[in-house]
């Protein structure tokens, strides 16, 4: 039950509700790493792999709040020349990467490209040869011609890469001291195979969600799925 998320922690529902009320002409485009309550307060949910597709369907004159990850929102602003109003949350994992140490690592492996998740700050993203979601980074690793890749995201993806491409070398981007494990999510680390087994066996711990709240959150998720598949029109973007 303690396995939360730093992005969820950074966006309390009551403060997000007040922020939305202060900007009634904005719709809320919200990253999926948020609470059920914040999803219910949002118009469209996005993932890192669907955000670009969805943003390009929203008219340029429509004002947008993007939360809770300001780095992902900032990356989208820069790439698509948008001016979304950013909620000031960050992922503690991606915030931990060091530009100085990344450049040192790049100097040690001058031919190796850098792949970064868009939750990373601009000082990391600006050095990346590829920026994308976890699945996007995995596909980039498969397609790249070289045999060494520097990876700036939660390092558990490297295990998947090594299984899929045992002939290639994957190097996790360093933290501030060049040698720390600060880029490992402490929340994700709380989950183990044993706990998964026990939760399935005992059906605990449980999270109960009020049905009205669930349906409001589902609206924004359904809109995400429709827009990601291209089955929603511009008049169906909603608003609260």
Protein backbone atom coordinates (compact mmCIF):
# COMPACT_ATOMS: atom_id res chain seq x y z
CA UNK A 1 0.00 0.00 0.00
CA UNK A 2 2.99 2.32 0.37
CA UNK A 3 3.99 1.92 -3.29
CA UNK A 4 2.83 5.30 -4.54
CA UNK A 5 4.27 7.68 -7.13
CA UNK A 6 6.16 10.95 -6.80
CA UNK A 7 4.10 12.48 -9.62
CA UNK A 8 0.87 11.58 -7.85
CA UNK A 9 2.26 13.05 -4.62
CA UNK A 10 3.13 16.26 -6.48
CA UNK A 11 -0.47 16.84 -7.59
CA UNK A 12 -2.96 16.78 -4.68
CA UNK A 13 -6.56 16.71 -5.99
CA UNK A 14 -7.73 19.72 -3.96
CA UNK A 15 -4.92 21.92 -5.30
CA UNK A 16 -5.44 20.68 -8.85
CA UNK A 17 -9.17 21.42 -8.56
CA UNK A 18 -8.40 24.98 -7.43
CA UNK A 19 -5.86 25.39 -10.24
CA UNK A 20 -8.43 24.30 -12.80
CA UNK A 21 -11.01 26.68 -11.33
CA UNK A 22 -8.52 29.55 -11.69
CA UNK A 23 -8.15 28.78 -15.42
CA UNK A 24 -11.69 27.97 -16.62
CA UNK A 25 -10.82 28.49 -20.30
CA UNK A 26 -8.24 25.68 -20.22
CA UNK A 27 -8.81 21.97 -20.73
CA UNK A 28 -6.71 19.58 -18.65
CA UNK A 29 -4.39 17.20 -20.50
CA UNK A 30 -3.04 14.98 -17.74
CA UNK A 31 -0.27 12.39 -17.65
CA UNK A 32 -1.52 8.98 -16.52
CA UNK A 33 0.80 8.98 -13.46
CA UNK A 34 -1.76 10.69 -11.25
CA UNK A 35 -4.50 9.76 -8.79
CA UNK A 36 -8.02 8.64 -9.67
CA UNK A 37 -9.26 11.97 -8.27
CA UNK A 38 -7.03 13.97 -10.62
CA UNK A 39 -8.08 11.79 -13.56
CA UNK A 40 -11.69 12.61 -12.70
CA UNK A 41 -10.80 16.33 -12.76
CA UNK A 42 -9.12 16.01 -16.17
CA UNK A 43 -10.46 16.10 -19.71
CA UNK A 44 -7.96 13.82 -21.43
CA UNK A 45 -5.36 11.43 -19.99
CA UNK A 46 -2.16 10.75 -21.93
CA UNK A 47 0.69 8.27 -21.70
CA UNK A 48 4.23 9.05 -22.80
CA UNK A 49 3.59 7.05 -25.98
CA UNK A 50 0.24 8.67 -26.83
CA UNK A 51 0.84 12.28 -25.72
CA UNK A 52 2.18 13.53 -29.05
CA UNK A 53 -0.62 11.94 -31.08
CA UNK A 54 -3.27 13.37 -28.79
CA UNK A 55 -1.79 16.87 -28.49
CA UNK A 56 -1.69 17.25 -32.26
CA UNK A 57 -5.47 16.69 -32.38
CA UNK A 58 -6.20 19.61 -30.04
CA UNK A 59 -6.72 22.95 -31.82
CA UNK A 60 -3.82 25.37 -31.37
CA UNK A 61 -6.15 28.07 -30.02
CA UNK A 62 -7.40 25.78 -27.23
CA UNK A 63 -5.69 26.66 -23.95
CA UNK A 64 -4.33 23.63 -22.10
CA UNK A 65 -3.22 22.76 -18.58
CA UNK A 66 -0.68 19.93 -18.60
CA UNK A 67 0.14 18.03 -15.42
CA UNK A 68 1.51 16.66 -13.30
CA UNK A 69 4.92 16.27 -15.04
CA UNK A 70 6.35 19.64 -16.07
CA UNK A 71 9.28 18.05 -17.90
CA UNK A 72 7.06 15.96 -20.17
CA UNK A 73 4.81 18.98 -20.71
CA UNK A 74 7.80 21.21 -21.42
CA UNK A 75 9.16 18.73 -23.93
CA UNK A 76 5.82 18.71 -25.76
CA UNK A 77 5.69 22.52 -25.68
CA UNK A 78 9.11 22.77 -27.28
CA UNK A 79 8.57 20.05 -29.87
CA UNK A 80 5.18 21.30 -31.06
CA UNK A 81 5.57 25.02 -30.32
CA UNK A 82 2.69 24.99 -27.85
CA UNK A 83 2.18 27.10 -24.76
CA UNK A 84 0.55 24.69 -22.31
CA UNK A 85 0.30 25.83 -18.71
CA UNK A 86 2.43 23.37 -16.75
CA UNK A 87 1.73 21.92 -13.32
CA UNK A 88 5.05 21.95 -11.37
CA UNK A 89 5.43 18.21 -10.66
CA UNK A 90 8.40 15.98 -11.47
CA UNK A 91 9.32 12.30 -11.35
CA UNK A 92 12.03 11.85 -8.73
CA UNK A 93 13.68 9.14 -10.85
CA UNK A 94 14.13 11.20 -14.00
CA UNK A 95 14.97 14.33 -12.02
CA UNK A 96 17.98 12.50 -10.54
CA UNK A 97 19.99 12.21 -13.76
CA UNK A 98 23.08 14.43 -13.94
CA UNK A 99 24.02 16.31 -17.11
CA UNK A 100 27.67 16.51 -16.03
CA UNK A 101 27.91 12.79 -15.37
CA UNK A 102 26.02 12.00 -18.57
CA UNK A 103 28.56 13.97 -20.60
CA UNK A 104 31.41 12.14 -18.85
CA UNK A 105 29.77 8.83 -19.75
CA UNK A 106 29.27 9.99 -23.34
CA UNK A 107 32.99 10.86 -23.53
CA UNK A 108 33.84 7.32 -22.39
CA UNK A 109 31.58 5.88 -25.12
CA UNK A 110 31.79 8.46 -27.94
CA UNK A 111 29.95 6.33 -30.50
CA UNK A 112 27.04 5.44 -28.24
CA UNK A 113 23.71 7.24 -28.76
CA UNK A 114 21.63 8.41 -25.80
CA UNK A 115 17.95 7.46 -25.42
CA UNK A 116 15.93 9.44 -22.88
CA UNK A 117 12.40 9.39 -21.53
CA UNK A 118 10.57 12.75 -21.93
CA UNK A 119 10.08 12.87 -18.14
CA UNK A 120 13.79 13.80 -17.95
CA UNK A 121 14.68 17.49 -17.50
CA UNK A 122 15.77 19.49 -20.58
CA UNK A 123 19.44 19.25 -19.57
CA UNK A 124 19.22 15.50 -20.26
CA UNK A 125 16.72 15.49 -23.14
CA UNK A 126 18.79 18.03 -25.11
CA UNK A 127 21.67 15.53 -25.32
CA UNK A 128 19.50 12.61 -26.40
CA UNK A 129 19.58 11.06 -29.86
CA UNK A 130 16.15 9.61 -29.22
CA UNK A 131 13.39 10.79 -26.86
CA UNK A 132 10.38 8.58 -26.26
CA UNK A 133 8.39 6.23 -24.07
CA UNK A 134 9.76 3.01 -22.61
CA UNK A 135 8.43 0.99 -25.53
CA UNK A 136 9.82 3.58 -27.93
CA UNK A 137 13.28 3.34 -26.34
CA UNK A 138 13.12 -0.45 -26.61
CA UNK A 139 12.25 -0.22 -30.32
CA UNK A 140 15.02 2.35 -30.88
CA UNK A 141 17.50 -0.03 -29.26
CA UNK A 142 16.42 -2.83 -31.61
CA UNK A 143 16.72 -0.64 -34.72
CA UNK A 144 19.94 1.27 -33.96
CA UNK A 145 22.99 0.16 -35.96
CA UNK A 146 25.49 0.30 -33.07
CA UNK A 147 25.96 -2.10 -30.21
CA UNK A 148 26.04 0.32 -27.22
CA UNK A 149 23.23 2.55 -25.92
CA UNK A 150 23.12 4.97 -22.97
CA UNK A 151 19.66 4.85 -21.38
CA UNK A 152 18.20 7.73 -19.34
CA UNK A 153 15.10 6.30 -17.71
CA UNK A 154 14.17 3.94 -14.86
CA UNK A 155 16.86 1.25 -15.21
CA UNK A 156 14.61 -1.81 -15.01
CA UNK A 157 14.02 -1.45 -18.76
CA UNK A 158 17.65 -2.46 -19.27
CA UNK A 159 16.78 -5.98 -18.13
CA UNK A 160 14.19 -6.23 -20.93
CA UNK A 161 16.71 -4.89 -23.43
CA UNK A 162 19.37 -7.37 -22.42
CA UNK A 163 16.91 -10.25 -22.77
CA UNK A 164 15.80 -9.06 -26.22
CA UNK A 165 19.26 -8.04 -27.45
CA UNK A 166 21.99 -9.99 -25.62
CA UNK A 167 24.55 -8.94 -28.23
CA UNK A 168 24.22 -5.25 -27.34
CA UNK A 169 25.44 -3.23 -24.33
CA UNK A 170 23.07 -0.97 -22.40
CA UNK A 171 24.42 1.57 -19.93
CA UNK A 172 22.17 3.35 -17.43
CA UNK A 173 22.60 7.11 -17.27
CA UNK A 174 24.28 8.20 -14.00
CA UNK A 175 23.01 10.20 -11.07
CA UNK A 176 24.69 13.15 -9.40
CA UNK A 177 27.75 11.31 -8.10
CA UNK A 178 28.10 9.14 -11.19
CA UNK A 179 27.67 5.94 -9.22
CA UNK A 180 24.46 6.08 -7.17
CA UNK A 181 21.27 4.08 -7.45
CA UNK A 182 19.19 7.24 -7.14
CA UNK A 183 17.58 6.59 -10.53
CA UNK A 184 15.83 3.48 -9.18
CA UNK A 185 12.23 4.29 -8.23
CA UNK A 186 11.82 3.63 -4.49
CA UNK A 187 8.09 3.08 -4.96
CA UNK A 188 8.52 0.47 -7.68
CA UNK A 189 11.16 -1.25 -5.58
CA UNK A 190 8.54 -1.91 -2.89
CA UNK A 191 6.77 -4.33 -5.23
CA UNK A 192 8.15 -7.88 -5.29
CA UNK A 193 7.10 -11.22 -6.77
CA UNK A 194 6.31 -12.46 -3.27
CA UNK A 195 3.98 -9.52 -2.59
CA UNK A 196 2.32 -10.03 -5.97
CA UNK A 197 1.71 -13.68 -5.13
CA UNK A 198 0.31 -12.84 -1.68
CA UNK A 199 -1.98 -10.12 -3.05
CA UNK A 200 -3.43 -12.55 -5.60
CA UNK A 201 -3.80 -15.28 -3.01
CA UNK A 202 -5.37 -13.14 -0.28
CA UNK A 203 -6.96 -10.38 -2.42
CA UNK A 204 -5.40 -7.76 -0.16
CA UNK A 205 -4.54 -4.95 0.09
CA UNK A 206 -7.62 -3.53 -1.62
CA UNK A 207 -8.32 -0.09 -3.01
CA UNK A 208 -12.02 0.74 -3.17
CA UNK A 209 -13.11 3.57 -5.48
CA UNK A 210 -16.46 5.32 -5.31
CA UNK A 211 -18.48 4.47 -8.42
CA UNK A 212 -19.22 8.10 -9.33
CA UNK A 213 -15.52 8.92 -9.06
CA UNK A 214 -14.61 5.85 -11.09
CA UNK A 215 -16.91 6.83 -13.94
CA UNK A 216 -15.58 10.40 -14.03
CA UNK A 217 -12.02 9.11 -14.20
CA UNK A 218 -13.03 6.59 -16.86
CA UNK A 219 -14.34 9.42 -19.07
CA UNK A 220 -10.89 10.96 -19.40
CA UNK A 221 -9.30 7.54 -19.98
CA UNK A 222 -11.88 6.63 -22.63
CA UNK A 223 -11.18 9.92 -24.39
CA UNK A 224 -7.47 9.08 -24.36
CA UNK A 225 -8.11 5.68 -25.95
CA UNK A 226 -10.38 7.20 -28.60
CA UNK A 227 -7.94 9.99 -29.51
CA UNK A 228 -4.94 7.67 -29.52
CA UNK A 229 -6.75 5.48 -32.05
CA UNK A 230 -8.03 8.46 -34.03
CA UNK A 231 -11.73 7.82 -33.43
CA UNK A 232 -12.72 11.11 -31.77
CA UNK A 233 -13.54 14.41 -33.41
CA UNK A 234 -12.41 17.89 -32.40
CA UNK A 235 -15.87 18.63 -31.06
CA UNK A 236 -15.62 15.75 -28.59
CA UNK A 237 -12.77 17.05 -26.44
CA UNK A 238 -15.01 17.78 -23.51
CA UNK A 239 -14.39 20.32 -20.80
CA UNK A 240 -15.23 20.76 -17.14
